[in-house]
Protein backbone atom coordinates (compact mmCIF):
# COMPACT_ATOMS: atom_id res chain seq x y z
CA MET A 1 24.29 -6.97 -4.46
CA ALA A 2 22.52 -3.46 -4.90
CA ASP A 3 24.50 -0.32 -4.95
CA VAL A 4 22.51 2.06 -3.21
CA ARG A 5 23.77 5.72 -2.42
CA PRO A 6 22.75 9.33 -1.38
CA PHE A 7 22.92 12.11 -3.87
CA CYS A 8 21.94 15.99 -3.97
CA GLY A 9 18.38 16.28 -4.63
CA VAL A 10 16.85 18.99 -6.59
CA ARG A 11 13.84 20.75 -4.96
CA TYR A 12 11.48 23.28 -5.02
CA GLY A 13 12.63 26.69 -3.51
CA ARG A 14 9.48 27.28 -1.84
CA SER A 15 10.00 31.18 -0.76
CA LEU A 16 9.65 31.97 -4.64
CA VAL A 17 7.26 29.23 -5.45
CA GLY A 18 4.84 29.20 -2.22
CA ASP A 19 1.85 26.58 -2.01
CA LEU A 20 4.37 23.26 -2.85
CA GLU A 21 1.13 21.10 -4.13
CA ALA A 22 0.36 23.80 -6.88
CA VAL A 23 3.80 22.78 -8.50
CA ILE A 24 3.76 18.70 -8.02
CA CYS A 25 2.16 16.96 -10.48
CA PRO A 26 1.41 13.13 -11.14
CA PRO A 27 4.04 10.92 -13.24
CA TYR A 28 3.75 11.22 -17.18
CA ASP A 29 1.97 7.83 -17.95
CA ILE A 30 -0.74 8.88 -16.39
CA ILE A 31 -1.44 12.13 -17.31
CA THR A 32 -4.09 12.65 -19.64
CA PRO A 33 -4.08 15.77 -22.44
CA GLN A 34 -6.84 17.34 -20.26
CA ARG A 35 -5.19 16.83 -16.90
CA GLN A 36 -1.77 18.37 -18.70
CA SER A 37 -3.43 21.33 -19.38
CA GLU A 38 -4.90 21.93 -16.15
CA LEU A 39 -1.98 21.28 -14.11
CA TYR A 40 -0.48 24.05 -16.79
CA GLN A 41 -3.02 26.13 -15.19
CA GLU A 42 -2.19 25.36 -11.35
CA SER A 43 0.94 26.97 -11.32
CA GLU A 44 3.59 28.62 -13.95
CA TYR A 45 6.28 26.35 -12.07
CA ASN A 46 4.26 23.15 -11.95
CA PHE A 47 6.35 20.32 -12.58
CA VAL A 48 4.83 19.21 -15.95
CA ARG A 49 6.50 21.65 -18.04
CA VAL A 50 9.59 19.58 -17.05
CA GLU A 51 8.20 16.07 -16.93
CA PHE A 52 5.66 16.17 -19.25
CA ASN A 53 5.77 19.42 -21.50
CA ARG A 54 3.36 20.10 -24.38
CA GLU A 55 3.57 18.74 -27.81
CA LEU A 56 2.96 21.51 -30.43
CA PRO A 57 1.94 21.25 -33.86
CA GLU A 58 4.80 23.58 -35.34
CA ASP A 59 7.34 21.21 -33.31
CA THR A 60 10.30 20.70 -35.12
CA ASN A 61 14.23 18.51 -34.29
CA LYS A 62 15.14 22.01 -32.74
CA ASP A 63 12.68 23.14 -30.67
CA ASN A 64 10.14 20.21 -29.31
CA ARG A 65 8.97 19.10 -26.06
CA TYR A 66 11.94 17.94 -25.05
CA THR A 67 14.12 20.78 -25.23
CA ARG A 68 11.45 23.30 -24.20
CA ALA A 69 12.01 21.11 -20.78
CA ALA A 70 15.38 21.58 -20.90
CA ALA A 71 15.22 25.53 -21.27
CA ILE A 72 12.90 25.64 -18.67
CA LEU A 73 14.54 23.73 -16.16
CA GLU A 74 17.99 25.72 -16.31
CA GLN A 75 15.37 28.89 -16.38
CA TRP A 76 14.27 27.89 -12.93
CA LEU A 77 17.97 26.62 -11.40
CA LYS A 78 19.03 29.97 -12.28
CA GLN A 79 16.01 31.91 -11.00
CA GLY A 80 16.80 30.04 -7.59
CA ILE A 81 12.52 28.08 -8.23
CA LEU A 82 14.75 24.75 -8.26
CA LYS A 83 17.47 24.73 -6.22
CA ILE A 84 20.11 21.91 -5.70
CA ASP A 85 21.01 20.33 -1.70
CA LYS A 86 24.16 20.94 -0.95
CA ALA A 87 24.67 17.77 0.95
CA PRO A 88 24.23 14.39 -0.49
CA ALA A 89 21.36 12.66 1.33
CA ILE A 90 18.81 9.90 0.89
CA TYR A 91 15.78 11.41 1.21
CA LEU A 92 13.04 9.52 3.40
CA HIS A 93 9.45 9.72 1.74
CA ASP A 94 6.05 9.12 4.08
CA TYR A 95 3.09 9.37 2.08
CA TYR A 96 -0.23 9.54 3.46
CA PHE A 97 -3.65 8.78 1.75
CA ALA A 98 -6.51 6.87 1.54
CA TYR A 99 -7.76 4.05 -0.28
CA GLN A 100 -11.78 2.51 0.45
CA GLY A 101 -12.21 4.30 3.23
CA LYS A 102 -8.76 3.09 4.99
CA GLU A 103 -5.81 5.35 6.11
CA TYR A 104 -2.44 4.13 4.80
CA ARG A 105 1.53 5.34 5.10
CA ARG A 106 3.44 4.23 2.84
CA ARG A 107 7.25 4.48 3.64
CA GLY A 108 9.84 4.84 0.84
CA ILE A 109 13.79 5.53 0.59
CA ILE A 110 14.43 7.89 -2.02
CA ALA A 111 18.08 6.94 -3.14
CA ARG A 112 19.96 7.07 -6.37
CA VAL A 113 20.52 3.47 -7.13
CA ARG A 114 23.47 1.96 -10.06
CA LEU A 115 22.12 0.79 -13.07
CA GLU A 116 22.59 -3.15 -13.48
CA LYS A 117 21.35 -4.77 -16.47
CA TRP A 118 18.27 -7.34 -15.80
CA ASP A 119 20.75 -10.50 -16.44
CA LYS A 120 22.61 -9.69 -13.55
CA MET A 121 19.74 -10.26 -11.26
CA VAL A 122 20.47 -7.17 -8.77
CA VAL A 123 17.87 -5.23 -9.86
CA ARG A 124 15.24 -7.49 -11.03
CA PRO A 125 11.61 -6.81 -13.11
CA HIS A 126 8.12 -8.18 -12.67
CA GLU A 127 6.21 -7.26 -15.82
CA ASN A 128 6.65 -6.63 -19.56
CA THR A 129 7.01 -3.41 -21.20
CA MET A 130 6.07 -1.14 -24.50
CA ALA A 131 8.46 0.57 -26.69
CA ARG A 132 6.72 3.71 -26.83
CA PRO A 133 6.76 5.17 -23.21
CA LYS A 134 10.87 3.86 -23.25
CA SER A 135 11.44 5.98 -26.50
CA ASP A 136 10.10 8.93 -24.98
CA ARG A 137 11.98 8.55 -21.52
CA LEU A 138 15.04 8.14 -22.85
CA SER A 139 14.53 11.34 -25.46
CA LEU A 140 13.85 13.29 -22.15
CA LEU A 141 16.72 11.98 -20.38
CA TRP A 142 19.18 13.35 -23.41
CA ALA A 143 17.65 16.68 -23.14
CA LEU A 144 18.03 17.20 -19.37
CA GLN A 145 20.38 14.34 -17.73
CA ALA A 146 18.05 13.96 -15.21
CA ASN A 147 15.58 11.90 -13.56
CA THR A 148 12.41 13.49 -13.04
CA SER A 149 10.45 10.70 -11.84
CA THR A 150 11.75 8.03 -9.78
CA VAL A 151 11.93 3.92 -10.61
CA PHE A 152 9.73 2.67 -7.54
CA ALA A 153 11.20 -0.36 -6.35
CA LEU A 154 10.60 -3.39 -3.15
CA TYR A 155 12.98 -4.86 -1.01
CA GLU A 156 13.38 -7.26 1.58
CA ASP A 157 14.00 -5.79 4.94
CA GLN A 158 14.64 -9.12 6.86
CA GLY A 159 15.30 -8.25 10.92
CA ARG A 160 13.53 -5.18 10.81
CA GLN A 161 16.71 -3.38 10.42
CA ILE A 162 15.60 -0.63 7.97
CA SER A 163 12.57 -0.34 9.32
CA THR A 164 14.51 0.63 12.83
CA LEU A 165 17.14 2.76 10.93
CA LEU A 166 14.47 4.99 9.47
CA ALA A 167 12.10 5.22 12.99
CA ALA A 168 15.13 6.78 14.52
CA ARG A 169 14.88 9.26 11.82
CA GLU A 170 11.36 10.40 12.01
CA GLN A 171 11.86 13.30 14.87
CA ASP A 172 14.07 14.94 12.13
CA LYS A 173 12.19 17.97 10.71
CA PRO A 174 10.61 17.66 7.24
CA VAL A 175 12.20 19.47 4.07
CA ILE A 176 9.26 19.24 2.37
CA SER A 177 5.88 19.07 4.17
CA LEU A 178 2.44 19.54 2.32
CA GLY A 179 -1.16 18.38 2.33
CA THR A 180 -2.86 18.27 -1.47
CA GLY A 181 -6.73 19.04 -1.76
CA ASP A 182 -7.78 15.13 -2.08
CA GLY A 183 -6.72 14.56 1.60
CA GLU A 184 -3.19 13.28 0.55
CA LYS A 185 -0.10 13.92 2.64
CA HIS A 186 3.57 14.02 1.70
CA GLU A 187 6.76 14.53 4.29
CA VAL A 188 10.09 14.14 3.06
CA ARG A 189 12.85 14.08 5.58
CA ALA A 190 16.25 14.51 4.50
CA VAL A 191 19.21 11.89 5.93
CA THR A 192 22.59 13.20 5.58
CA ASP A 193 24.13 11.68 8.39
CA THR A 194 26.92 9.50 7.07
CA GLY A 195 26.35 6.81 9.66
CA THR A 196 22.75 6.27 9.17
CA ILE A 197 23.50 6.59 5.33
CA ASN A 198 26.02 3.51 5.36
CA GLN A 199 24.24 1.18 7.54
CA LEU A 200 21.01 1.51 5.18
CA CYS A 201 23.33 0.95 1.88
CA SER A 202 25.05 -2.03 3.59
CA VAL A 203 21.87 -3.86 4.63
CA LEU A 204 20.59 -3.04 0.86
CA ALA A 205 23.62 -3.96 -0.54
CA ASP A 206 22.90 -7.56 0.53
CA GLN A 207 19.55 -7.80 -1.16
CA PRO A 208 17.87 -7.75 -4.81
CA LEU A 209 15.40 -5.01 -5.72
CA TYR A 210 12.38 -5.49 -7.28
CA VAL A 211 11.09 -2.88 -9.75
CA ALA A 212 7.12 -2.43 -9.22
CA ASP A 213 6.31 0.56 -11.10
CA GLY A 214 8.76 2.61 -13.36
CA HIS A 215 9.95 -0.56 -15.84
CA HIS A 216 10.32 2.03 -18.90
CA ARG A 217 12.22 4.48 -16.73
CA TYR A 218 14.83 2.23 -15.77
CA GLU A 219 15.24 0.40 -19.24
CA SER A 220 15.53 3.88 -20.68
CA ALA A 221 17.96 4.72 -18.14
CA LEU A 222 19.85 1.68 -19.38
CA ALA A 223 19.80 2.77 -22.95
CA TYR A 224 20.80 5.96 -22.23
CA GLN A 225 23.78 4.60 -19.66
CA GLN A 226 24.58 2.51 -22.81
CA GLU A 227 24.84 5.35 -25.85
CA LEU A 228 27.02 7.70 -23.07
CA SER A 229 29.23 5.21 -22.38
CA ALA A 230 29.86 4.32 -26.57
CA SER A 231 30.12 7.36 -26.97
CA SER A 232 32.34 8.94 -24.39
CA ALA A 233 35.83 8.78 -23.59
CA MET A 234 35.22 9.28 -20.18
CA LYS A 235 33.80 5.88 -18.42
CA SER A 236 34.00 6.66 -14.65
CA ALA A 237 32.17 3.79 -12.70
CA ASP A 238 30.81 6.67 -10.47
CA ALA A 239 29.72 9.24 -13.62
CA GLY A 240 26.16 9.75 -12.87
CA TYR A 241 24.77 7.87 -15.92
CA ASN A 242 25.75 4.82 -14.16
CA PHE A 243 22.53 5.70 -11.41
CA VAL A 244 19.01 6.14 -11.49
CA MET A 245 16.63 7.08 -9.11
CA MET A 246 14.59 4.91 -7.25
CA THR A 247 12.21 4.84 -4.21
CA LEU A 248 12.57 2.07 -2.20
CA VAL A 249 9.78 0.11 -0.21
CA ASP A 250 9.47 -2.80 1.79
CA LEU A 251 7.61 -5.93 0.61
CA ALA A 252 5.84 -5.66 3.97
CA ASP A 253 5.40 -2.15 4.31
CA PRO A 254 1.49 -1.83 5.51
CA GLY A 255 0.79 0.80 2.88
CA LEU A 256 1.96 -1.17 -0.15
CA VAL A 257 -1.26 -1.08 -1.91
CA ILE A 258 -1.23 -3.06 -5.24
CA LEU A 259 -4.70 -3.04 -7.53
CA PRO A 260 -4.69 -5.26 -10.66
CA PHE A 261 -5.34 -3.67 -14.22
CA HIS A 262 -8.61 -4.87 -15.32
CA ARG A 263 -9.34 -5.52 -18.99
CA LEU A 264 -11.71 -3.61 -21.22
CA VAL A 265 -12.22 -5.33 -24.65
CA ARG A 266 -14.27 -3.52 -27.58
CA GLY A 267 -14.12 -4.06 -31.66
CA LEU A 268 -15.46 -7.33 -31.58
CA SER A 269 -18.15 -8.92 -33.46
CA ARG A 270 -21.21 -9.84 -32.50
CA SER A 271 -20.87 -13.53 -33.03
CA THR A 272 -17.39 -13.61 -31.71
CA ILE A 273 -19.03 -12.64 -28.34
CA GLU A 274 -22.31 -14.54 -28.35
CA GLY A 275 -19.78 -17.50 -28.88
CA LEU A 276 -17.79 -16.94 -26.08
CA LEU A 277 -20.31 -18.19 -23.53
CA PRO A 278 -20.96 -21.59 -24.50
CA LYS A 279 -16.78 -22.23 -24.29
CA LEU A 280 -16.42 -21.06 -20.77
CA PRO A 281 -18.24 -23.95 -18.92
CA GLN A 282 -15.23 -26.12 -20.15
CA PHE A 283 -12.56 -23.59 -18.20
CA PHE A 284 -15.04 -22.50 -15.47
CA GLU A 285 -17.16 -22.67 -12.60
CA ILE A 286 -19.99 -20.13 -13.50
CA LYS A 287 -22.11 -18.37 -11.21
CA ARG A 288 -24.32 -15.57 -12.92
CA LEU A 289 -25.71 -12.14 -11.18
CA SER A 290 -27.70 -9.22 -12.46
CA PHE A 291 -26.43 -6.24 -12.36
CA GLY A 292 -29.47 -4.74 -10.21
CA ALA A 293 -29.75 -7.79 -8.11
CA PRO A 294 -28.96 -7.17 -4.15
CA GLY A 295 -25.92 -6.92 -2.98
CA ALA A 296 -24.50 -7.86 -6.36
CA TRP A 297 -21.34 -5.25 -6.29
CA GLN A 298 -20.60 -6.75 -2.86
CA GLN A 299 -21.13 -10.20 -3.57
CA VAL A 300 -18.25 -8.89 -6.57
CA ASP A 301 -15.93 -7.06 -4.42
CA ASP A 302 -16.35 -10.81 -1.82
CA PHE A 303 -15.47 -13.26 -4.64
CA LEU A 304 -12.53 -11.38 -5.90
CA ASN A 305 -10.75 -10.47 -2.43
CA GLU A 306 -11.53 -14.23 -1.29
CA GLU A 307 -8.24 -15.37 0.11
CA GLU A 308 -8.20 -18.77 -1.19
CA ASP A 309 -5.01 -19.06 -3.51
CA GLN A 310 -7.03 -19.03 -6.85
CA VAL A 311 -8.07 -18.33 -10.49
CA ARG A 312 -11.19 -15.87 -9.59
CA LEU A 313 -12.22 -13.56 -12.42
CA VAL A 314 -15.58 -11.83 -12.77
CA LEU A 315 -16.87 -11.03 -16.75
CA CYS A 316 -18.92 -7.69 -17.38
CA GLY A 317 -21.10 -7.23 -20.60
CA LEU A 318 -21.60 -11.09 -22.21
CA LEU A 319 -25.27 -10.62 -21.34
CA LYS A 320 -26.92 -7.66 -21.41
CA LYS A 321 -27.09 -6.42 -17.40
CA SER A 322 -25.43 -9.46 -16.38
CA LEU A 323 -22.49 -10.01 -14.05
CA PHE A 324 -20.79 -13.70 -14.53
CA LEU A 325 -18.05 -14.88 -11.52
CA LEU A 326 -16.02 -17.39 -12.72
CA LYS A 327 -13.53 -19.91 -10.83
CA LEU A 328 -10.77 -22.07 -12.98
CA ARG A 329 -11.44 -25.47 -12.84
CA ASP A 330 -8.19 -26.78 -13.59
CA PHE A 331 -4.95 -25.62 -14.78
CA ALA A 332 -4.23 -28.60 -16.47
CA ILE A 333 -6.94 -27.66 -18.69
CA THR A 334 -5.32 -24.03 -19.35
CA GLY A 335 -1.25 -24.94 -19.53
CA PRO A 336 -1.90 -26.04 -23.70
CA MET A 337 -2.48 -22.79 -24.32
CA MET A 338 0.15 -20.76 -22.20
CA PRO A 339 3.47 -20.06 -23.63
CA GLN A 340 5.39 -23.14 -22.37
CA PHE A 341 8.59 -20.64 -22.16
CA HIS A 342 6.88 -18.79 -19.21
CA SER A 343 7.12 -20.03 -16.01
CA GLY A 344 4.73 -22.30 -13.48
CA ILE A 345 3.72 -19.01 -11.20
CA TYR A 346 3.35 -17.16 -14.80
CA GLN A 347 1.01 -19.63 -16.39
CA ARG A 348 -1.22 -19.77 -12.86
CA LEU A 349 -1.58 -15.94 -12.90
CA SER A 350 -5.74 -14.93 -13.17
CA VAL A 351 -4.26 -12.00 -15.50
CA SER A 352 -2.49 -14.57 -17.93
CA ILE A 353 -5.51 -16.70 -17.91
CA VAL A 354 -7.50 -13.62 -19.27
CA ASP A 355 -4.57 -12.73 -21.90
CA HIS A 356 -3.82 -16.60 -22.91
CA VAL A 357 -6.78 -18.19 -23.02
CA ILE A 358 -9.50 -15.89 -23.23
CA LEU A 359 -8.60 -12.85 -25.27
CA GLU A 360 -6.03 -14.65 -27.70
CA GLY A 361 -7.61 -18.50 -27.20
CA LEU A 362 -11.35 -17.56 -27.15
CA LEU A 363 -11.94 -14.57 -28.84
CA GLY A 364 -9.15 -14.43 -31.23
CA MET A 365 -7.25 -11.57 -30.06
CA SER A 366 -3.40 -10.83 -30.44
CA HIS A 367 -1.12 -8.02 -28.94
CA GLU A 368 1.18 -9.29 -31.79
CA ARG A 369 -1.03 -8.91 -34.29
CA GLY A 370 -1.48 -5.36 -33.33
CA ASP A 371 -5.37 -4.95 -34.35
CA LYS A 372 -6.47 -1.72 -35.00
CA GLU A 373 -10.11 -3.02 -34.94
CA MET A 374 -10.21 -4.89 -32.03
CA SER A 375 -8.44 -3.41 -29.00
CA VAL A 376 -7.74 -4.05 -24.87
CA ASP A 377 -7.55 -0.94 -22.25
CA TYR A 378 -6.74 -0.61 -19.00
CA ILE A 379 -8.12 0.66 -15.71
CA PHE A 380 -7.60 -0.38 -11.84
CA ASP A 381 -11.18 0.28 -10.84
CA TRP A 382 -13.56 -2.15 -11.23
CA GLN A 383 -16.61 -0.29 -10.68
CA ASP A 384 -15.63 1.91 -13.64
CA ALA A 385 -14.71 -0.82 -15.62
CA ALA A 386 -17.95 -1.82 -15.41
CA SER A 387 -19.71 1.18 -15.89
CA LYS A 388 -18.27 1.66 -19.43
CA VAL A 389 -19.37 -1.33 -20.66
CA LEU A 390 -22.84 -0.38 -18.98
CA ASP A 391 -22.44 2.77 -20.97
CA GLN A 392 -21.75 0.92 -23.97
CA GLU A 393 -18.20 2.37 -24.19
CA TYR A 394 -16.78 -0.91 -24.32
CA GLN A 395 -17.99 -4.48 -25.21
CA LEU A 396 -16.83 -6.52 -22.40
CA ALA A 397 -14.84 -6.00 -19.37
CA PHE A 398 -12.86 -8.84 -17.47
CA LEU A 399 -12.43 -7.67 -13.51
CA LEU A 400 -9.62 -9.48 -11.46
CA ARG A 401 -8.29 -9.88 -8.38
CA PRO A 402 -4.89 -8.33 -7.26
CA VAL A 403 -1.05 -10.13 -7.36
CA LYS A 404 0.21 -10.14 -3.76
CA ALA A 405 3.54 -8.59 -3.46
CA ARG A 406 4.78 -11.95 -2.63
CA VAL A 407 4.18 -13.17 -6.17
CA ILE A 408 5.54 -10.31 -7.57
CA LYS A 409 8.87 -10.80 -5.69
CA ASP A 410 8.04 -14.92 -6.90
CA ILE A 411 8.57 -14.44 -10.36
CA ALA A 412 10.76 -12.18 -10.97
CA ASP A 413 13.43 -14.72 -9.11
CA THR A 414 12.50 -16.94 -11.43
CA GLY A 415 13.55 -14.41 -13.88
CA ASP A 416 10.16 -14.07 -15.64
CA ARG A 417 7.97 -11.11 -16.14
CA MET A 418 4.13 -10.99 -15.39
CA PRO A 419 1.85 -9.85 -18.68
CA ARG A 420 2.14 -6.32 -19.42
CA LYS A 421 0.07 -3.86 -16.97
CA THR A 422 -0.80 -6.40 -14.15
CA THR A 423 0.04 -4.30 -11.12
CA CYS A 424 -0.73 -0.61 -10.39
CA PHE A 425 0.53 0.23 -6.96
CA TYR A 426 -1.72 3.05 -5.36
CA PRO A 427 -0.91 5.78 -5.68
CA LYS A 428 1.27 6.84 -7.72
CA MET A 429 4.53 8.66 -6.87
CA PRO A 430 4.51 12.19 -7.77
CA SER A 431 6.59 13.78 -9.85
CA GLY A 432 8.33 17.52 -8.46
CA LEU A 433 8.98 16.66 -4.87
CA VAL A 434 12.83 15.69 -5.42
CA PHE A 435 14.81 14.51 -8.61
CA TYR A 436 18.17 13.60 -9.55
CA ARG A 437 20.72 15.32 -12.13
CA LEU A 438 23.28 13.21 -13.35
CA GLU A 439 26.09 14.85 -12.92
């Protein structure tokens, strides 16, 4: 089903750049203005200048963040700051990191994958997207003709065929090896052996791929392909624009850490907030805790990570210095409040209960209406979310349980999608290790 291929990656020339830690950057969607400025200062060659160039007040149609990124890319290629690998490769990426005191290694395959429309079910989405990020990435594609950051996707390694092939390459010398100040480590090996590549591609061709992170990048690549195909007389099936760079990770990889995006709410009237508490017992069993009670945060953590397959969430801010542990009573009660065009899996997700039952149904909020006064923000650190309510930066926080990898696969297999900002695959893949020029 999936057409996975090697490519000649573009990488930094270490002899000219020096410390690779100073030149890689996060993907565009988590670079704040402050972090962008810091990255500019870290190195004159930091990849942020290509991935997420500064927007300036004097920008025009002919001189803007995208044209500057394109000029820098060409300049760095001419100077040898960036070099194109001579042999097509599939890149084996081992990402070492820590989360909540535990050490992980996430193993990924960086390759190019043929673009397929969603309805073909070859590449399957699991989450809804927003228009603005797609427009930004599409503009960058037109300027660079390159995938600067990767689409993160999942596959099923049935029979452990792929893991066996990759394990045989572990003794290969890494073409990239770097550690970061926060204790993370990256090792990238270029697999150029045609026998190994053919075996990997053959196994992956027998199954669908599931987009985990990077839906906007994938949809932008699809739009770019369609626009270029429509305007070009030359329509080779193997043209570079028919592919997109992906990092493929096994659904069962022990380093696959999936965090939830918790909901932060502000802009509600006092009467709306006060009216929520009497409505909740109809839907939930409720346990109230004090912020300052001994072991309260451990109880929250235990409650959210309970193995039992049940809708559980924690509400902060409804009453001062109180936490409410909510357990759904019965899906039959919430069913009528759900969009009926969605699957049963969707309707039973904790995030769907929060978005449709509480935010829309009980609080009267709506994404479609585009409320300016009332807003919802998203954060993956639940303790940070609770702190923001304590500091009165937000009125309410809804703390959610993480979604399991198998649920992501199941909902994608039905052709449905989860609400936007449901999953956070931690940590995000950095930009600048290796990227794909569409040539």
